[in-house]
């Protein structure tokens, strides 16, 4: 006589063989969602963000760079403390900062952080300096304390920038274009969020 254990085992095998195969259930239809837009400084919480006075350019998001330029970059350069660099007006100087620049036809995205520590008093003077010449205050949001958003007319066209103090680090991001439509306040704000994400400690 077959044992009870053998009978149960045979029944399990029989039932397994008779079980119909089933395919995985169809995935649910995609829900209707709103596309997530890149962060601007109005929606970005910059309070308490610490920035390092150190190289950061290799951490800037490639997507952020392309969105800032509105197209793929054609050229890129980086520089460090003590390097001799050419300024946009053609003059040369010794850098006391870590910075980078990406360019495409008619537009340039730049960012840099001072190497020497900056006091709040010095930062206040830098804010005033950013609004001299053919520059005016613009933009909304926060980019350190104190900070300033400026729109300037330059030999390259229109330059929009944010400059601000994070702890003792003075950080700057600029977007310059021949056409004002390539240097909008929103595009500049998104660019500065990309820079801040790369430069934060």
C-alpha atoms as a PDB file:
ATOM      1  CA  UNK A   1       0.000   0.000   0.000  1.00  0.00           C
ATOM      2  CA  UNK A   2       1.294   3.390  -0.891  1.00  0.00           C
ATOM      3  CA  UNK A   3       2.039   5.552   2.032  1.00  0.00           C
ATOM      4  CA  UNK A   4       0.034   8.711   2.709  1.00  0.00           C
ATOM      5  CA  UNK A   5       3.134  10.819   1.983  1.00  0.00           C
ATOM      6  CA  UNK A   6       3.641   9.228  -1.440  1.00  0.00           C
ATOM      7  CA  UNK A   7      -0.025   9.750  -2.293  1.00  0.00           C
ATOM      8  CA  UNK A   8       0.088  13.428  -1.407  1.00  0.00           C
ATOM      9  CA  UNK A   9       3.292  13.916  -3.402  1.00  0.00           C
ATOM     10  CA  UNK A  10       1.724  12.277  -6.461  1.00  0.00           C
ATOM     11  CA  UNK A  11      -1.344  14.503  -6.121  1.00  0.00           C
ATOM     12  CA  UNK A  12       0.788  17.644  -5.937  1.00  0.00           C
ATOM     13  CA  UNK A  13       2.634  16.645  -9.117  1.00  0.00           C
ATOM     14  CA  UNK A  14      -0.637  15.903 -10.882  1.00  0.00           C
ATOM     15  CA  UNK A  15      -2.171  19.221  -9.913  1.00  0.00           C
ATOM     16  CA  UNK A  16       0.979  21.126 -10.929  1.00  0.00           C
ATOM     17  CA  UNK A  17       0.821  19.525 -14.362  1.00  0.00           C
ATOM     18  CA  UNK A  18      -2.835  20.498 -14.779  1.00  0.00           C
ATOM     19  CA  UNK A  19      -2.432  24.124 -13.689  1.00  0.00           C
ATOM     20  CA  UNK A  20      -2.924  26.404 -16.698  1.00  0.00           C
ATOM     21  CA  UNK A  21      -0.015  28.656 -17.511  1.00  0.00           C
ATOM     22  CA  UNK A  22      -0.669  32.305 -16.931  1.00  0.00           C
ATOM     23  CA  UNK A  23       1.134  35.310 -18.380  1.00  0.00           C
ATOM     24  CA  UNK A  24       1.966  38.357 -16.248  1.00  0.00           C
ATOM     25  CA  UNK A  25      -0.938  40.797 -15.982  1.00  0.00           C
ATOM     26  CA  UNK A  26      -0.944  43.697 -18.380  1.00  0.00           C
ATOM     27  CA  UNK A  27       0.591  46.824 -16.868  1.00  0.00           C
ATOM     28  CA  UNK A  28      -1.890  49.509 -15.913  1.00  0.00           C
ATOM     29  CA  UNK A  29      -2.341  52.266 -18.478  1.00  0.00           C
ATOM     30  CA  UNK A  30      -0.033  55.230 -17.924  1.00  0.00           C
ATOM     31  CA  UNK A  31      -1.573  57.870 -15.760  1.00  0.00           C
ATOM     32  CA  UNK A  32      -1.916  61.390 -17.026  1.00  0.00           C
ATOM     33  CA  UNK A  33       0.833  63.411 -15.337  1.00  0.00           C
ATOM     34  CA  UNK A  34       2.328  66.825 -15.868  1.00  0.00           C
ATOM     35  CA  UNK A  35       5.943  66.854 -17.007  1.00  0.00           C
ATOM     36  CA  UNK A  36       8.362  67.934 -14.269  1.00  0.00           C
ATOM     37  CA  UNK A  37       9.999  71.185 -15.269  1.00  0.00           C
ATOM     38  CA  UNK A  38      13.606  72.023 -14.299  1.00  0.00           C
ATOM     39  CA  UNK A  39      13.917  73.864 -11.016  1.00  0.00           C
ATOM     40  CA  UNK A  40      14.252  77.625 -10.991  1.00  0.00           C
ATOM     41  CA  UNK A  41      15.569  79.659  -8.088  1.00  0.00           C
ATOM     42  CA  UNK A  42      11.988  80.577  -7.185  1.00  0.00           C
ATOM     43  CA  UNK A  43      11.231  76.914  -6.464  1.00  0.00           C
ATOM     44  CA  UNK A  44      14.687  75.885  -5.231  1.00  0.00           C
ATOM     45  CA  UNK A  45      15.414  76.010  -1.502  1.00  0.00           C
ATOM     46  CA  UNK A  46      18.812  77.684  -1.369  1.00  0.00           C
ATOM     47  CA  UNK A  47      18.627  78.501   2.352  1.00  0.00           C
ATOM     48  CA  UNK A  48      21.374  76.749   4.281  1.00  0.00           C
ATOM     49  CA  UNK A  49      23.188  75.541   1.152  1.00  0.00           C
ATOM     50  CA  UNK A  50      26.971  75.432   1.678  1.00  0.00           C
ATOM     51  CA  UNK A  51      29.273  76.037  -1.287  1.00  0.00           C
ATOM     52  CA  UNK A  52      32.911  74.910  -1.448  1.00  0.00           C
ATOM     53  CA  UNK A  53      35.601  77.290  -2.659  1.00  0.00           C
ATOM     54  CA  UNK A  54      36.928  74.476  -4.821  1.00  0.00           C
ATOM     55  CA  UNK A  55      36.708  73.097  -8.380  1.00  0.00           C
ATOM     56  CA  UNK A  56      33.155  72.129  -9.343  1.00  0.00           C
ATOM     57  CA  UNK A  57      32.886  72.362 -13.137  1.00  0.00           C
ATOM     58  CA  UNK A  58      33.114  68.630 -13.790  1.00  0.00           C
ATOM     59  CA  UNK A  59      29.952  68.160 -11.715  1.00  0.00           C
ATOM     60  CA  UNK A  60      27.748  70.554 -13.689  1.00  0.00           C
ATOM     61  CA  UNK A  61      24.885  68.632 -15.281  1.00  0.00           C
ATOM     62  CA  UNK A  62      25.300  68.141 -19.068  1.00  0.00           C
ATOM     63  CA  UNK A  63      21.532  68.514 -19.375  1.00  0.00           C
ATOM     64  CA  UNK A  64      21.712  71.801 -17.471  1.00  0.00           C
ATOM     65  CA  UNK A  65      24.425  73.062 -19.814  1.00  0.00           C
ATOM     66  CA  UNK A  66      22.449  72.178 -22.933  1.00  0.00           C
ATOM     67  CA  UNK A  67      19.263  73.743 -21.573  1.00  0.00           C
ATOM     68  CA  UNK A  68      21.147  76.926 -20.698  1.00  0.00           C
ATOM     69  CA  UNK A  69      22.641  77.224 -24.177  1.00  0.00           C
ATOM     70  CA  UNK A  70      19.508  76.023 -25.926  1.00  0.00           C
ATOM     71  CA  UNK A  71      21.683  73.697 -28.021  1.00  0.00           C
ATOM     72  CA  UNK A  72      24.763  71.513 -27.703  1.00  0.00           C
ATOM     73  CA  UNK A  73      27.956  73.240 -26.565  1.00  0.00           C
ATOM     74  CA  UNK A  74      30.600  73.837 -29.218  1.00  0.00           C
ATOM     75  CA  UNK A  75      33.431  74.664 -26.810  1.00  0.00           C
ATOM     76  CA  UNK A  76      34.285  74.373 -23.138  1.00  0.00           C
ATOM     77  CA  UNK A  77      37.086  75.629 -20.910  1.00  0.00           C
ATOM     78  CA  UNK A  78      37.932  75.512 -17.229  1.00  0.00           C
ATOM     79  CA  UNK A  79      40.427  77.453 -15.163  1.00  0.00           C
ATOM     80  CA  UNK A  80      41.724  77.458 -11.637  1.00  0.00           C
ATOM     81  CA  UNK A  81      43.360  79.614  -9.012  1.00  0.00           C
ATOM     82  CA  UNK A  82      46.488  81.278 -10.406  1.00  0.00           C
ATOM     83  CA  UNK A  83      45.723  80.555 -14.070  1.00  0.00           C
ATOM     84  CA  UNK A  84      46.108  83.357 -16.585  1.00  0.00           C
ATOM     85  CA  UNK A  85      42.773  83.809 -18.356  1.00  0.00           C
ATOM     86  CA  UNK A  86      41.267  85.985 -21.055  1.00  0.00           C
ATOM     87  CA  UNK A  87      38.167  87.956 -20.022  1.00  0.00           C
ATOM     88  CA  UNK A  88      35.179  88.443 -22.355  1.00  0.00           C
ATOM     89  CA  UNK A  89      36.396  91.971 -23.170  1.00  0.00           C
ATOM     90  CA  UNK A  90      39.688  90.533 -24.446  1.00  0.00           C
ATOM     91  CA  UNK A  91      41.907  91.562 -21.532  1.00  0.00           C
ATOM     92  CA  UNK A  92      43.928  89.032 -19.545  1.00  0.00           C
ATOM     93  CA  UNK A  93      44.174  88.603 -15.805  1.00  0.00           C
ATOM     94  CA  UNK A  94      45.293  86.142 -13.133  1.00  0.00           C
ATOM     95  CA  UNK A  95      42.351  84.149 -11.818  1.00  0.00           C
ATOM     96  CA  UNK A  96      41.704  83.923  -8.097  1.00  0.00           C
ATOM     97  CA  UNK A  97      38.750  81.649  -8.632  1.00  0.00           C
ATOM     98  CA  UNK A  98      37.613  78.324 -10.052  1.00  0.00           C
ATOM     99  CA  UNK A  99      35.514  78.767 -13.143  1.00  0.00           C
ATOM    100  CA  UNK A 100      34.206  77.337 -16.372  1.00  0.00           C
ATOM    101  CA  UNK A 101      32.522  78.369 -19.588  1.00  0.00           C
ATOM    102  CA  UNK A 102      30.471  76.606 -22.250  1.00  0.00           C
ATOM    103  CA  UNK A 103      29.764  78.241 -25.591  1.00  0.00           C
ATOM    104  CA  UNK A 104      27.504  77.682 -28.586  1.00  0.00           C
ATOM    105  CA  UNK A 105      26.945  80.077 -31.486  1.00  0.00           C
ATOM    106  CA  UNK A 106      25.622  83.309 -30.039  1.00  0.00           C
ATOM    107  CA  UNK A 107      25.380  82.198 -26.403  1.00  0.00           C
ATOM    108  CA  UNK A 108      27.700  81.445 -23.466  1.00  0.00           C
ATOM    109  CA  UNK A 109      27.034  79.960 -20.015  1.00  0.00           C
ATOM    110  CA  UNK A 110      29.638  80.723 -17.347  1.00  0.00           C
ATOM    111  CA  UNK A 111      30.132  80.134 -13.620  1.00  0.00           C
ATOM    112  CA  UNK A 112      32.847  80.738 -11.053  1.00  0.00           C
ATOM    113  CA  UNK A 113      33.498  80.759  -7.323  1.00  0.00           C
ATOM    114  CA  UNK A 114      36.054  82.986  -5.592  1.00  0.00           C
ATOM    115  CA  UNK A 115      38.960  81.192  -3.920  1.00  0.00           C
ATOM    116  CA  UNK A 116      39.545  83.780  -1.136  1.00  0.00           C
ATOM    117  CA  UNK A 117      36.818  83.827   1.531  1.00  0.00           C
ATOM    118  CA  UNK A 118      34.369  86.715   1.213  1.00  0.00           C
ATOM    119  CA  UNK A 119      32.889  88.551   4.197  1.00  0.00           C
ATOM    120  CA  UNK A 120      29.322  89.859   4.262  1.00  0.00           C
ATOM    121  CA  UNK A 121      30.639  93.406   4.009  1.00  0.00           C
ATOM    122  CA  UNK A 122      32.668  92.564   0.920  1.00  0.00           C
ATOM    123  CA  UNK A 123      29.654  90.720  -0.512  1.00  0.00           C
ATOM    124  CA  UNK A 124      27.547  93.865  -0.113  1.00  0.00           C
ATOM    125  CA  UNK A 125      30.087  95.822  -2.148  1.00  0.00           C
ATOM    126  CA  UNK A 126      30.119  93.091  -4.808  1.00  0.00           C
ATOM    127  CA  UNK A 127      26.336  93.392  -5.062  1.00  0.00           C
ATOM    128  CA  UNK A 128      26.691  97.128  -5.662  1.00  0.00           C
ATOM    129  CA  UNK A 129      29.411  96.566  -8.263  1.00  0.00           C
ATOM    130  CA  UNK A 130      27.167  94.141 -10.162  1.00  0.00           C
ATOM    131  CA  UNK A 131      24.651  96.951 -10.744  1.00  0.00           C
ATOM    132  CA  UNK A 132      27.039  99.545 -12.171  1.00  0.00           C
ATOM    133  CA  UNK A 133      27.362 100.576 -15.798  1.00  0.00           C
ATOM    134  CA  UNK A 134      24.677  99.282 -18.145  1.00  0.00           C
ATOM    135  CA  UNK A 135      23.216  96.910 -15.546  1.00  0.00           C
ATOM    136  CA  UNK A 136      19.953  96.802 -13.636  1.00  0.00           C
ATOM    137  CA  UNK A 137      18.440  94.555 -10.982  1.00  0.00           C
ATOM    138  CA  UNK A 138      16.131  91.806 -12.211  1.00  0.00           C
ATOM    139  CA  UNK A 139      14.934  88.284 -11.439  1.00  0.00           C
ATOM    140  CA  UNK A 140      13.316  86.681  -8.426  1.00  0.00           C
ATOM    141  CA  UNK A 141      14.330  83.950  -6.026  1.00  0.00           C
ATOM    142  CA  UNK A 142      17.308  83.491  -3.714  1.00  0.00           C
ATOM    143  CA  UNK A 143      20.944  82.848  -4.489  1.00  0.00           C
ATOM    144  CA  UNK A 144      22.719  83.208  -1.170  1.00  0.00           C
ATOM    145  CA  UNK A 145      22.712  86.106   1.288  1.00  0.00           C
ATOM    146  CA  UNK A 146      23.286  88.747   0.143  1.00  0.00           C
ATOM    147  CA  UNK A 147      22.629  88.137  -3.539  1.00  0.00           C
ATOM    148  CA  UNK A 148      21.694  90.006  -6.677  1.00  0.00           C
ATOM    149  CA  UNK A 149      20.228  89.194 -10.074  1.00  0.00           C
ATOM    150  CA  UNK A 150      21.391  91.565 -12.790  1.00  0.00           C
ATOM    151  CA  UNK A 151      20.662  92.208 -16.450  1.00  0.00           C
ATOM    152  CA  UNK A 152      23.452  93.975 -18.329  1.00  0.00           C
ATOM    153  CA  UNK A 153      24.193  95.158 -21.838  1.00  0.00           C
ATOM    154  CA  UNK A 154      27.668  94.036 -22.890  1.00  0.00           C
ATOM    155  CA  UNK A 155      29.718  93.845 -26.083  1.00  0.00           C
ATOM    156  CA  UNK A 156      28.487  90.239 -26.387  1.00  0.00           C
ATOM    157  CA  UNK A 157      24.816  91.227 -26.138  1.00  0.00           C
ATOM    158  CA  UNK A 158      22.607  90.676 -23.085  1.00  0.00           C
ATOM    159  CA  UNK A 159      24.064  89.173 -19.915  1.00  0.00           C
ATOM    160  CA  UNK A 160      21.891  87.892 -17.099  1.00  0.00           C
ATOM    161  CA  UNK A 161      23.511  86.759 -13.882  1.00  0.00           C
ATOM    162  CA  UNK A 162      23.032  85.740 -10.292  1.00  0.00           C
ATOM    163  CA  UNK A 163      25.734  86.467  -7.718  1.00  0.00           C
ATOM    164  CA  UNK A 164      25.563  85.537  -4.076  1.00  0.00           C
ATOM    165  CA  UNK A 165      27.312  84.626  -0.847  1.00  0.00           C
ATOM    166  CA  UNK A 166      27.013  81.095   0.566  1.00  0.00           C
ATOM    167  CA  UNK A 167      28.814  81.050   3.892  1.00  0.00           C
ATOM    168  CA  UNK A 168      32.112  82.648   2.859  1.00  0.00           C
ATOM    169  CA  UNK A 169      31.950  81.509  -0.803  1.00  0.00           C
ATOM    170  CA  UNK A 170      31.024  84.058  -3.496  1.00  0.00           C
ATOM    171  CA  UNK A 171      29.392  82.187  -6.397  1.00  0.00           C
ATOM    172  CA  UNK A 172      28.476  83.647  -9.801  1.00  0.00           C
ATOM    173  CA  UNK A 173      26.528  82.207 -12.745  1.00  0.00           C
ATOM    174  CA  UNK A 174      25.928  84.096 -15.986  1.00  0.00           C
ATOM    175  CA  UNK A 175      24.161  83.537 -19.286  1.00  0.00           C
ATOM    176  CA  UNK A 176      25.161  85.816 -22.158  1.00  0.00           C
ATOM    177  CA  UNK A 177      23.571  85.912 -25.615  1.00  0.00           C
ATOM    178  CA  UNK A 178      23.389  88.087 -28.702  1.00  0.00           C
ATOM    179  CA  UNK A 179      19.619  87.549 -28.759  1.00  0.00           C
ATOM    180  CA  UNK A 180      17.621  88.413 -25.612  1.00  0.00           C
ATOM    181  CA  UNK A 181      15.431  85.352 -26.287  1.00  0.00           C
ATOM    182  CA  UNK A 182      18.483  83.152 -25.577  1.00  0.00           C
ATOM    183  CA  UNK A 183      19.115  84.761 -22.181  1.00  0.00           C
ATOM    184  CA  UNK A 184      15.727  84.818 -20.515  1.00  0.00           C
ATOM    185  CA  UNK A 185      15.266  85.162 -16.786  1.00  0.00           C
ATOM    186  CA  UNK A 186      13.875  81.614 -16.522  1.00  0.00           C
ATOM    187  CA  UNK A 187      16.697  80.038 -18.507  1.00  0.00           C
ATOM    188  CA  UNK A 188      19.259  81.912 -16.394  1.00  0.00           C
ATOM    189  CA  UNK A 189      17.512  80.848 -13.199  1.00  0.00           C
ATOM    190  CA  UNK A 190      17.560  77.185 -14.276  1.00  0.00           C
ATOM    191  CA  UNK A 191      21.245  77.495 -15.193  1.00  0.00           C
ATOM    192  CA  UNK A 192      22.085  78.913 -11.785  1.00  0.00           C
ATOM    193  CA  UNK A 193      20.323  75.998 -10.071  1.00  0.00           C
ATOM    194  CA  UNK A 194      22.526  73.611 -12.108  1.00  0.00           C
ATOM    195  CA  UNK A 195      25.615  75.555 -11.015  1.00  0.00           C
ATOM    196  CA  UNK A 196      24.545  75.629  -7.381  1.00  0.00           C
ATOM    197  CA  UNK A 197      23.892  71.885  -7.373  1.00  0.00           C
ATOM    198  CA  UNK A 198      27.421  71.297  -8.726  1.00  0.00           C
ATOM    199  CA  UNK A 199      29.163  73.731  -6.381  1.00  0.00           C
ATOM    200  CA  UNK A 200      27.408  72.856  -3.130  1.00  0.00           C
ATOM    201  CA  UNK A 201      29.557  71.180  -0.485  1.00  0.00           C
END
